[in-house]
């Protein structure tokens, strides 16, 4: 278990935010972001204070569907925009917990 944001989490969160900054439909960009976030093991890569929020974020992106792309397309535009904001916010918060390498 980590008390800091590990390099793995930092890299994958950065990739997720990068996916949101590309061109294309927001649902496609969220799907790419979700793929990056899925490589983060919250228990091992994030501090305790972020784990629950991170797990909720992944679940909310998936929207309980077997087909992620379809789930994201079914969401309203405001809901997709809110998810994108939450990903950026999670990255910002995770940066506050990155350990300083000596």
N, C-alpha and C. Protein backbone atom coordinates (compact mmCIF):
# COMPACT_ATOMS: atom_id res chain seq x y z
N UNK A 1 0.85 -1.19 0.00
CA UNK A 1 0.00 0.00 0.00
C UNK A 1 0.88 1.24 0.00
N UNK A 2 0.44 2.23 -0.73
CA UNK A 2 1.22 3.44 -0.88
C UNK A 2 0.62 4.57 -0.04
N UNK A 3 1.50 5.41 0.48
CA UNK A 3 1.04 6.62 1.16
C UNK A 3 1.23 7.83 0.25
N UNK A 4 1.77 7.56 -0.95
CA UNK A 4 1.99 8.60 -1.94
C UNK A 4 1.45 8.14 -3.29
N UNK A 5 1.35 9.07 -4.20
CA UNK A 5 1.04 8.72 -5.57
C UNK A 5 2.30 8.14 -6.18
N UNK A 6 2.22 6.93 -6.67
CA UNK A 6 3.39 6.27 -7.24
C UNK A 6 3.64 6.76 -8.67
N UNK A 7 4.82 6.50 -9.20
CA UNK A 7 5.09 6.87 -10.60
C UNK A 7 4.10 6.22 -11.58
N UNK A 8 3.67 5.01 -11.30
CA UNK A 8 2.69 4.35 -12.17
C UNK A 8 1.40 5.16 -12.22
N UNK A 9 0.87 5.53 -11.07
CA UNK A 9 -0.37 6.30 -11.02
C UNK A 9 -0.18 7.66 -11.68
N UNK A 10 0.92 8.30 -11.41
CA UNK A 10 1.18 9.61 -12.00
C UNK A 10 1.19 9.50 -13.53
N UNK A 11 1.90 8.52 -14.05
CA UNK A 11 2.00 8.34 -15.51
C UNK A 11 0.63 8.07 -16.12
N UNK A 12 -0.15 7.19 -15.50
CA UNK A 12 -1.44 6.82 -16.07
C UNK A 12 -2.46 7.96 -15.95
N UNK A 13 -2.43 8.68 -14.86
CA UNK A 13 -3.31 9.85 -14.73
C UNK A 13 -2.93 10.92 -15.74
N UNK A 14 -1.64 11.11 -15.96
CA UNK A 14 -1.18 12.07 -16.97
C UNK A 14 -1.66 11.63 -18.36
N UNK A 15 -1.58 10.33 -18.64
CA UNK A 15 -2.08 9.83 -19.93
C UNK A 15 -3.59 10.05 -20.07
N UNK A 16 -4.31 9.84 -18.99
CA UNK A 16 -5.76 10.05 -19.03
C UNK A 16 -6.09 11.50 -19.34
N UNK A 17 -5.41 12.43 -18.68
CA UNK A 17 -5.64 13.85 -18.95
C UNK A 17 -5.22 14.18 -20.39
N UNK A 18 -4.11 13.60 -20.83
CA UNK A 18 -3.67 13.81 -22.21
C UNK A 18 -4.71 13.34 -23.21
N UNK A 19 -5.35 12.21 -22.92
CA UNK A 19 -6.39 11.70 -23.81
C UNK A 19 -7.55 12.68 -23.91
N UNK A 20 -7.86 13.33 -22.81
CA UNK A 20 -8.95 14.31 -22.82
C UNK A 20 -8.61 15.55 -23.63
N UNK A 21 -7.33 15.80 -23.82
CA UNK A 21 -6.88 17.01 -24.51
C UNK A 21 -6.73 16.82 -26.02
N UNK A 22 -7.03 15.63 -26.51
CA UNK A 22 -6.94 15.38 -27.94
C UNK A 22 -8.24 15.82 -28.61
N UNK A 23 -8.26 15.73 -29.94
CA UNK A 23 -9.49 16.09 -30.65
C UNK A 23 -10.38 14.85 -30.76
N UNK A 24 -11.62 15.08 -31.07
CA UNK A 24 -12.57 13.99 -31.23
C UNK A 24 -13.71 14.10 -30.24
N UNK A 25 -14.64 13.17 -30.38
CA UNK A 25 -15.80 13.14 -29.49
C UNK A 25 -15.37 12.91 -28.05
N UNK A 26 -16.03 13.59 -27.13
CA UNK A 26 -15.68 13.44 -25.72
C UNK A 26 -15.87 12.00 -25.25
N UNK A 27 -16.87 11.31 -25.74
CA UNK A 27 -17.07 9.93 -25.31
C UNK A 27 -15.86 9.06 -25.69
N UNK A 28 -15.28 9.29 -26.86
CA UNK A 28 -14.09 8.53 -27.28
C UNK A 28 -12.88 8.89 -26.43
N UNK A 29 -12.76 10.17 -26.11
CA UNK A 29 -11.63 10.61 -25.28
C UNK A 29 -11.76 10.06 -23.87
N UNK A 30 -12.98 10.00 -23.35
CA UNK A 30 -13.19 9.42 -22.02
C UNK A 30 -12.88 7.93 -22.02
N UNK A 31 -13.20 7.26 -23.10
CA UNK A 31 -12.89 5.84 -23.21
C UNK A 31 -11.37 5.63 -23.18
N UNK A 32 -10.63 6.46 -23.88
CA UNK A 32 -9.16 6.38 -23.86
C UNK A 32 -8.64 6.67 -22.46
N UNK A 33 -9.22 7.67 -21.82
CA UNK A 33 -8.80 8.03 -20.45
C UNK A 33 -9.07 6.86 -19.50
N UNK A 34 -10.21 6.22 -19.65
CA UNK A 34 -10.55 5.09 -18.80
C UNK A 34 -9.53 3.96 -18.96
N UNK A 35 -9.10 3.70 -20.20
CA UNK A 35 -8.09 2.66 -20.43
C UNK A 35 -6.81 2.97 -19.67
N UNK A 36 -6.41 4.22 -19.66
CA UNK A 36 -5.20 4.61 -18.92
C UNK A 36 -5.42 4.43 -17.42
N UNK A 37 -6.57 4.85 -16.93
CA UNK A 37 -6.85 4.77 -15.49
C UNK A 37 -7.01 3.33 -15.02
N UNK A 38 -7.45 2.46 -15.89
CA UNK A 38 -7.66 1.06 -15.51
C UNK A 38 -6.36 0.36 -15.13
N UNK A 39 -5.23 0.92 -15.52
CA UNK A 39 -3.93 0.34 -15.16
C UNK A 39 -3.44 0.76 -13.78
N UNK A 40 -4.23 1.57 -13.10
CA UNK A 40 -3.87 2.01 -11.75
C UNK A 40 -4.56 1.11 -10.74
N UNK A 41 -3.77 0.55 -9.84
CA UNK A 41 -4.30 -0.22 -8.72
C UNK A 41 -4.36 0.74 -7.55
N UNK A 42 -5.55 1.21 -7.24
CA UNK A 42 -5.71 2.26 -6.23
C UNK A 42 -5.03 1.92 -4.92
N UNK A 43 -5.15 0.68 -4.49
CA UNK A 43 -4.58 0.29 -3.19
C UNK A 43 -3.06 0.39 -3.18
N UNK A 44 -2.44 0.08 -4.30
CA UNK A 44 -0.98 0.06 -4.35
C UNK A 44 -0.36 1.32 -4.95
N UNK A 45 -1.14 2.09 -5.69
CA UNK A 45 -0.56 3.23 -6.42
C UNK A 45 -1.03 4.60 -5.94
N UNK A 46 -2.01 4.64 -5.07
CA UNK A 46 -2.53 5.93 -4.62
C UNK A 46 -2.55 6.01 -3.10
N UNK A 47 -2.45 7.23 -2.57
CA UNK A 47 -2.57 7.38 -1.12
C UNK A 47 -3.99 7.06 -0.67
N UNK A 48 -4.11 6.67 0.56
CA UNK A 48 -5.40 6.29 1.15
C UNK A 48 -6.48 7.33 0.88
N UNK A 49 -6.14 8.59 0.97
CA UNK A 49 -7.13 9.66 0.84
C UNK A 49 -7.76 9.74 -0.56
N UNK A 50 -7.14 9.14 -1.56
CA UNK A 50 -7.66 9.22 -2.93
C UNK A 50 -8.30 7.93 -3.42
N UNK A 51 -8.11 6.86 -2.73
CA UNK A 51 -8.51 5.54 -3.24
C UNK A 51 -10.00 5.43 -3.51
N UNK A 52 -10.82 5.83 -2.57
CA UNK A 52 -12.27 5.69 -2.74
C UNK A 52 -12.76 6.57 -3.90
N UNK A 53 -12.30 7.80 -3.95
CA UNK A 53 -12.71 8.70 -5.04
C UNK A 53 -12.27 8.16 -6.39
N UNK A 54 -11.07 7.58 -6.45
CA UNK A 54 -10.58 7.01 -7.70
C UNK A 54 -11.46 5.84 -8.13
N UNK A 55 -11.75 4.94 -7.22
CA UNK A 55 -12.59 3.79 -7.54
C UNK A 55 -13.99 4.24 -7.99
N UNK A 56 -14.54 5.23 -7.34
CA UNK A 56 -15.84 5.78 -7.74
C UNK A 56 -15.77 6.37 -9.14
N UNK A 57 -14.69 7.07 -9.43
CA UNK A 57 -14.52 7.67 -10.75
C UNK A 57 -14.52 6.60 -11.84
N UNK A 58 -13.74 5.54 -11.64
CA UNK A 58 -13.71 4.46 -12.63
C UNK A 58 -15.09 3.85 -12.82
N UNK A 59 -15.79 3.62 -11.72
CA UNK A 59 -17.13 3.04 -11.80
C UNK A 59 -18.10 3.97 -12.51
N UNK A 60 -18.00 5.25 -12.25
CA UNK A 60 -18.90 6.21 -12.89
C UNK A 60 -18.63 6.33 -14.38
N UNK A 61 -17.39 6.22 -14.79
CA UNK A 61 -17.08 6.25 -16.22
C UNK A 61 -17.68 5.02 -16.90
N UNK A 62 -17.54 3.87 -16.27
CA UNK A 62 -18.05 2.63 -16.85
C UNK A 62 -19.58 2.59 -16.85
N UNK A 63 -20.19 3.31 -15.93
CA UNK A 63 -21.64 3.49 -15.91
C UNK A 63 -22.38 2.16 -15.81
N UNK A 64 -21.72 1.16 -15.24
CA UNK A 64 -22.34 -0.14 -15.03
C UNK A 64 -22.60 -0.94 -16.29
N UNK A 65 -21.96 -0.59 -17.39
CA UNK A 65 -22.23 -1.26 -18.66
C UNK A 65 -21.12 -2.23 -19.04
N UNK A 66 -21.47 -3.21 -19.82
CA UNK A 66 -20.47 -4.13 -20.35
C UNK A 66 -19.68 -3.49 -21.48
N UNK A 67 -20.30 -2.60 -22.22
CA UNK A 67 -19.66 -1.91 -23.34
C UNK A 67 -19.42 -0.45 -22.94
N UNK A 68 -18.17 -0.14 -22.62
CA UNK A 68 -17.83 1.19 -22.13
C UNK A 68 -18.18 2.28 -23.13
N UNK A 69 -17.84 2.07 -24.38
CA UNK A 69 -18.13 3.08 -25.40
C UNK A 69 -19.61 3.38 -25.49
N UNK A 70 -20.42 2.34 -25.47
CA UNK A 70 -21.87 2.53 -25.53
C UNK A 70 -22.37 3.26 -24.29
N UNK A 71 -21.85 2.91 -23.14
CA UNK A 71 -22.26 3.58 -21.90
C UNK A 71 -21.95 5.07 -21.96
N UNK A 72 -20.77 5.40 -22.45
CA UNK A 72 -20.39 6.81 -22.53
C UNK A 72 -21.23 7.57 -23.54
N UNK A 73 -21.60 6.94 -24.63
CA UNK A 73 -22.44 7.60 -25.63
C UNK A 73 -23.86 7.81 -25.11
N UNK A 74 -24.32 6.94 -24.20
CA UNK A 74 -25.67 7.09 -23.63
C UNK A 74 -25.75 8.23 -22.62
N UNK A 75 -24.62 8.60 -22.05
CA UNK A 75 -24.61 9.67 -21.04
C UNK A 75 -24.94 11.00 -21.68
N UNK A 76 -25.46 11.89 -20.86
CA UNK A 76 -25.71 13.25 -21.34
C UNK A 76 -24.37 13.98 -21.48
N UNK A 77 -24.37 15.00 -22.29
CA UNK A 77 -23.15 15.81 -22.47
C UNK A 77 -22.67 16.39 -21.14
N UNK A 78 -23.56 16.95 -20.32
CA UNK A 78 -23.09 17.47 -19.03
C UNK A 78 -22.45 16.39 -18.14
N UNK A 79 -23.00 15.16 -18.19
CA UNK A 79 -22.41 14.08 -17.39
C UNK A 79 -21.02 13.72 -17.90
N UNK A 80 -20.84 13.67 -19.22
CA UNK A 80 -19.52 13.39 -19.77
C UNK A 80 -18.53 14.50 -19.41
N UNK A 81 -18.98 15.73 -19.50
CA UNK A 81 -18.11 16.87 -19.16
C UNK A 81 -17.72 16.82 -17.69
N UNK A 82 -18.67 16.43 -16.85
CA UNK A 82 -18.38 16.32 -15.41
C UNK A 82 -17.34 15.23 -15.15
N UNK A 83 -17.44 14.11 -15.85
CA UNK A 83 -16.44 13.04 -15.71
C UNK A 83 -15.06 13.54 -16.12
N UNK A 84 -15.00 14.27 -17.22
CA UNK A 84 -13.71 14.81 -17.67
C UNK A 84 -13.13 15.75 -16.60
N UNK A 85 -13.97 16.59 -16.03
CA UNK A 85 -13.51 17.49 -14.96
C UNK A 85 -13.00 16.69 -13.77
N UNK A 86 -13.68 15.61 -13.43
CA UNK A 86 -13.26 14.78 -12.29
C UNK A 86 -11.91 14.10 -12.55
N UNK A 87 -11.65 13.71 -13.79
CA UNK A 87 -10.35 13.11 -14.13
C UNK A 87 -9.24 14.13 -13.94
N UNK A 88 -9.46 15.34 -14.44
CA UNK A 88 -8.46 16.39 -14.29
C UNK A 88 -8.26 16.72 -12.81
N UNK A 89 -9.34 16.79 -12.06
CA UNK A 89 -9.26 17.05 -10.63
C UNK A 89 -8.49 15.95 -9.90
N UNK A 90 -8.72 14.69 -10.28
CA UNK A 90 -8.01 13.57 -9.66
C UNK A 90 -6.51 13.68 -9.94
N UNK A 91 -6.16 14.04 -11.17
CA UNK A 91 -4.75 14.22 -11.52
C UNK A 91 -4.14 15.32 -10.66
N UNK A 92 -4.85 16.44 -10.54
CA UNK A 92 -4.37 17.55 -9.73
C UNK A 92 -4.15 17.12 -8.28
N UNK A 93 -5.12 16.42 -7.73
CA UNK A 93 -5.01 15.98 -6.34
C UNK A 93 -3.87 14.96 -6.18
N UNK A 94 -3.74 14.05 -7.14
CA UNK A 94 -2.67 13.05 -7.06
C UNK A 94 -1.30 13.71 -7.11
N UNK A 95 -1.16 14.78 -7.87
CA UNK A 95 0.12 15.50 -7.93
C UNK A 95 0.52 16.05 -6.57
N UNK A 96 -0.43 16.39 -5.77
CA UNK A 96 -0.14 16.91 -4.43
C UNK A 96 0.45 15.86 -3.51
N UNK A 97 0.33 14.59 -3.94
CA UNK A 97 0.81 13.48 -3.11
C UNK A 97 1.99 12.74 -3.73
N UNK A 98 2.60 13.34 -4.74
CA UNK A 98 3.77 12.72 -5.36
C UNK A 98 4.95 12.90 -4.43
N UNK A 99 5.66 11.82 -4.14
CA UNK A 99 6.82 11.89 -3.25
C UNK A 99 7.97 12.60 -3.93
N UNK A 100 8.76 13.24 -3.14
CA UNK A 100 9.96 13.91 -3.66
C UNK A 100 11.09 12.90 -3.66
N UNK A 101 11.69 12.73 -4.82
CA UNK A 101 12.81 11.81 -4.92
C UNK A 101 14.09 12.53 -4.53
N UNK A 102 14.84 11.88 -3.67
CA UNK A 102 16.04 12.50 -3.15
C UNK A 102 17.18 12.21 -3.99
